[in-house]
Amino acid sequence: TGSFATTPAINLPKQILTDGDTNYLYILDQNNQRVVVFEKNNGNIKIQYSSKEFSNLKSMIFENKEKKIYLLADHKIYLININN
């Protein structure tokens, strides 16, 4: 069993993404202003990306080959470079 618990707990995830080319599950946790990344094979938390600037998170896209996450928050787009 993996470490699937987060602190704070994920509350009403806005979006959950993955694809067949990645070993990770990306969860947009709107209420906690973050993206939580889990390992698909064991449920362990890989990393969390959070910022107070991520207010009113609306949507997320991840580009596995380009190693990027795009977040739409309010009227801004944020770019997170990932190294998974």
C-alpha atoms as a PDB file:
ATOM      1  CA  THR A   1       0.000   0.000   0.000  1.00  0.00           C
ATOM      2  CA  GLY A   2       1.329   3.406  -0.978  1.00  0.00           C
ATOM      3  CA  SER A   3       1.259   6.759   0.738  1.00  0.00           C
ATOM      4  CA  PHE A   4      -1.917   8.077  -0.876  1.00  0.00           C
ATOM      5  CA  ALA A   5      -2.754  10.454   1.977  1.00  0.00           C
ATOM      6  CA  THR A   6      -2.007  14.138   1.466  1.00  0.00           C
ATOM      7  CA  THR A   7      -1.824  16.944   3.970  1.00  0.00           C
ATOM      8  CA  PRO A   8      -4.176  18.659   3.714  1.00  0.00           C
ATOM      9  CA  ALA A   9      -6.463  16.030   2.267  1.00  0.00           C
ATOM     10  CA  ILE A  10      -7.572  16.456  -1.343  1.00  0.00           C
ATOM     11  CA  ASN A  11     -10.973  18.099  -1.247  1.00  0.00           C
ATOM     12  CA  LEU A  12     -13.212  17.929  -4.335  1.00  0.00           C
ATOM     13  CA  PRO A  13     -10.582  17.497  -7.059  1.00  0.00           C
ATOM     14  CA  LYS A  14     -11.342  19.637 -10.097  1.00  0.00           C
ATOM     15  CA  GLN A  15      -9.543  17.436 -12.622  1.00  0.00           C
ATOM     16  CA  ILE A  16      -7.631  14.128 -12.779  1.00  0.00           C
ATOM     17  CA  LEU A  17      -5.309  13.406 -15.724  1.00  0.00           C
ATOM     18  CA  THR A  18      -2.978  10.661 -16.906  1.00  0.00           C
ATOM     19  CA  ASP A  19      -2.101   8.839 -20.097  1.00  0.00           C
ATOM     20  CA  GLY A  20      -0.514   5.577 -21.192  1.00  0.00           C
ATOM     21  CA  ASP A  21       2.928   7.160 -21.613  1.00  0.00           C
ATOM     22  CA  THR A  22       3.336   8.308 -18.021  1.00  0.00           C
ATOM     23  CA  ASN A  23       3.690   6.516 -14.687  1.00  0.00           C
ATOM     24  CA  TYR A  24       1.923   9.365 -12.889  1.00  0.00           C
ATOM     25  CA  LEU A  25      -1.577  10.558 -12.048  1.00  0.00           C
ATOM     26  CA  TYR A  26      -2.076  14.340 -11.897  1.00  0.00           C
ATOM     27  CA  ILE A  27      -4.812  15.721  -9.631  1.00  0.00           C
ATOM     28  CA  LEU A  28      -5.878  19.371  -9.708  1.00  0.00           C
ATOM     29  CA  ASP A  29      -6.816  20.111  -6.095  1.00  0.00           C
ATOM     30  CA  GLN A  30      -8.614  23.414  -6.560  1.00  0.00           C
ATOM     31  CA  ASN A  31      -9.561  24.011  -2.922  1.00  0.00           C
ATOM     32  CA  ASN A  32      -5.950  23.609  -1.742  1.00  0.00           C
ATOM     33  CA  GLN A  33      -4.377  25.566  -4.629  1.00  0.00           C
ATOM     34  CA  ARG A  34      -2.145  22.743  -5.852  1.00  0.00           C
ATOM     35  CA  VAL A  35      -1.436  19.906  -8.239  1.00  0.00           C
ATOM     36  CA  VAL A  36      -0.681  16.569  -6.572  1.00  0.00           C
ATOM     37  CA  VAL A  37       1.252  13.950  -8.548  1.00  0.00           C
ATOM     38  CA  PHE A  38       0.925  10.274  -7.600  1.00  0.00           C
ATOM     39  CA  GLU A  39       2.819   7.237  -8.882  1.00  0.00           C
ATOM     40  CA  LYS A  40       0.307   5.006 -10.658  1.00  0.00           C
ATOM     41  CA  ASN A  41       2.014   1.710  -9.802  1.00  0.00           C
ATOM     42  CA  ASN A  42       1.955   2.113  -5.998  1.00  0.00           C
ATOM     43  CA  GLY A  43      -0.114   5.196  -5.106  1.00  0.00           C
ATOM     44  CA  ASN A  44       2.795   7.048  -3.506  1.00  0.00           C
ATOM     45  CA  ILE A  45       2.929  10.816  -3.717  1.00  0.00           C
ATOM     46  CA  LYS A  46       5.644  11.893  -6.149  1.00  0.00           C
ATOM     47  CA  ILE A  47       5.411  15.675  -5.652  1.00  0.00           C
ATOM     48  CA  GLN A  48       3.006  18.514  -4.968  1.00  0.00           C
ATOM     49  CA  TYR A  49       3.073  21.877  -6.736  1.00  0.00           C
ATOM     50  CA  SER A  50       1.343  24.673  -4.853  1.00  0.00           C
ATOM     51  CA  SER A  51       1.259  28.432  -4.692  1.00  0.00           C
ATOM     52  CA  LYS A  52      -0.936  31.092  -3.164  1.00  0.00           C
ATOM     53  CA  GLU A  53      -1.041  32.547  -6.677  1.00  0.00           C
ATOM     54  CA  PHE A  54      -2.996  29.485  -7.861  1.00  0.00           C
ATOM     55  CA  SER A  55      -6.290  31.018  -6.756  1.00  0.00           C
ATOM     56  CA  ASN A  56      -9.445  29.897  -8.489  1.00  0.00           C
ATOM     57  CA  LEU A  57      -7.823  26.994 -10.353  1.00  0.00           C
ATOM     58  CA  LYS A  58      -9.958  26.156 -13.359  1.00  0.00           C
ATOM     59  CA  SER A  59      -8.105  23.656 -15.519  1.00  0.00           C
ATOM     60  CA  MET A  60      -4.852  21.782 -16.078  1.00  0.00           C
ATOM     61  CA  ILE A  61      -3.061  20.223 -19.047  1.00  0.00           C
ATOM     62  CA  PHE A  62       0.064  18.111 -18.757  1.00  0.00           C
ATOM     63  CA  GLU A  63       2.442  17.462 -21.611  1.00  0.00           C
ATOM     64  CA  ASN A  64       4.407  14.345 -20.706  1.00  0.00           C
ATOM     65  CA  LYS A  65       6.880  14.523 -23.603  1.00  0.00           C
ATOM     66  CA  GLU A  66       7.589  18.223 -23.030  1.00  0.00           C
ATOM     67  CA  LYS A  67       7.695  17.734 -19.216  1.00  0.00           C
ATOM     68  CA  LYS A  68       5.286  20.618 -18.548  1.00  0.00           C
ATOM     69  CA  ILE A  69       2.063  21.288 -16.660  1.00  0.00           C
ATOM     70  CA  TYR A  70      -0.102  24.246 -17.654  1.00  0.00           C
ATOM     71  CA  LEU A  71      -2.547  25.629 -15.088  1.00  0.00           C
ATOM     72  CA  LEU A  72      -5.387  28.038 -15.716  1.00  0.00           C
ATOM     73  CA  ALA A  73      -6.118  30.083 -12.597  1.00  0.00           C
ATOM     74  CA  ASP A  74      -8.377  33.129 -12.742  1.00  0.00           C
ATOM     75  CA  HIS A  75      -7.298  34.740 -16.019  1.00  0.00           C
ATOM     76  CA  LYS A  76      -3.664  33.595 -15.923  1.00  0.00           C
ATOM     77  CA  ILE A  77      -1.838  30.564 -17.296  1.00  0.00           C
ATOM     78  CA  TYR A  78       1.001  29.162 -15.186  1.00  0.00           C
ATOM     79  CA  LEU A  79       3.718  26.862 -16.504  1.00  0.00           C
ATOM     80  CA  ILE A  80       5.315  24.230 -14.254  1.00  0.00           C
ATOM     81  CA  ASN A  81       8.363  22.383 -15.552  1.00  0.00           C
ATOM     82  CA  ILE A  82       8.317  18.784 -14.343  1.00  0.00           C
ATOM     83  CA  ASN A  83      11.114  16.243 -14.253  1.00  0.00           C
ATOM     84  CA  ASN A  84       9.169  12.982 -14.004  1.00  0.00           C
END
